[in-house]
Amino acid sequence: MERNLLLAISFIMGFGLLIFPTPEMLTFDGTHALGTFLKNTLNIFGILLMVYSSIEVVIKLFKSRN
């Protein structure tokens, strides 16, 4: 039960990282590359969290069915 709750929380955290706004101070001309890198890194990490938690839930449901 606790594992399912943790997987649900990690899925929500992954979605939160996808919609996380870039801080205003990182969108200026001099630091635009840093802001873009930060946003892309957070998006990739969020997608990976969502995919991992989804796969774990599907595997757990498949195993419990047998």
Protein backbone atom coordinates (compact mmCIF):
# COMPACT_ATOMS: atom_id res chain seq x y z
CA MET A 1 0.00 0.00 0.00
CA GLU A 2 2.78 2.43 0.88
CA ARG A 3 4.55 1.66 -2.40
CA ASN A 4 1.42 2.54 -4.38
CA LEU A 5 1.14 5.83 -2.54
CA LEU A 6 4.79 6.64 -3.24
CA LEU A 7 4.32 5.82 -6.93
CA ALA A 8 1.28 8.10 -7.10
CA ILE A 9 3.22 10.90 -5.41
CA SER A 10 6.15 10.45 -7.79
CA PHE A 11 3.76 10.62 -10.76
CA ILE A 12 2.31 13.88 -9.44
CA MET A 13 5.80 15.24 -8.77
CA GLY A 14 6.80 14.36 -12.34
CA PHE A 15 3.80 16.25 -13.67
CA GLY A 16 4.68 19.17 -11.42
CA LEU A 17 8.19 19.26 -12.84
CA LEU A 18 6.76 19.37 -16.35
CA ILE A 19 4.73 22.49 -15.64
CA PHE A 20 7.35 24.11 -13.39
CA PRO A 21 7.86 27.70 -14.62
CA THR A 22 11.35 28.99 -15.37
CA PRO A 23 12.38 31.57 -12.76
CA GLU A 24 12.30 35.15 -14.08
CA MET A 25 15.93 35.80 -13.22
CA LEU A 26 17.02 33.01 -15.58
CA THR A 27 15.25 34.43 -18.63
CA PHE A 28 17.44 37.50 -19.10
CA ASP A 29 19.76 37.71 -22.10
CA GLY A 30 22.93 36.70 -20.26
CA THR A 31 21.45 33.71 -18.49
CA HIS A 32 18.91 32.57 -21.06
CA ALA A 33 20.98 29.47 -21.89
CA LEU A 34 21.09 28.50 -18.21
CA GLY A 35 17.33 28.94 -17.88
CA THR A 36 16.71 26.84 -20.97
CA PHE A 37 19.03 24.11 -19.70
CA LEU A 38 17.30 24.12 -16.30
CA LYS A 39 13.83 23.91 -17.84
CA ASN A 40 14.83 21.12 -20.22
CA THR A 41 16.48 19.16 -17.41
CA LEU A 42 13.41 19.49 -15.19
CA ASN A 43 11.13 18.43 -18.05
CA ILE A 44 13.20 15.34 -18.81
CA PHE A 45 13.35 14.39 -15.13
CA GLY A 46 9.58 14.89 -14.82
CA ILE A 47 8.89 12.70 -17.83
CA LEU A 48 11.19 9.99 -16.48
CA LEU A 49 9.42 10.07 -13.09
CA MET A 50 6.03 9.77 -14.74
CA VAL A 51 7.11 6.93 -17.02
CA TYR A 52 8.81 5.01 -14.20
CA SER A 53 5.85 5.26 -11.85
CA SER A 54 3.40 4.30 -14.61
CA ILE A 55 5.43 1.24 -15.57
CA GLU A 56 5.74 0.16 -11.93
CA VAL A 57 1.97 0.42 -11.42
CA VAL A 58 1.23 -1.57 -14.59
CA ILE A 59 3.72 -4.29 -13.61
CA LYS A 60 2.27 -4.46 -10.10
CA LEU A 61 -1.28 -4.76 -11.46
CA PHE A 62 -0.20 -7.43 -13.93
CA LYS A 63 1.51 -9.47 -11.20
CA SER A 64 -1.43 -9.19 -8.81
CA ARG A 65 -3.77 -10.47 -11.50
CA ASN A 66 -1.94 -13.80 -11.80
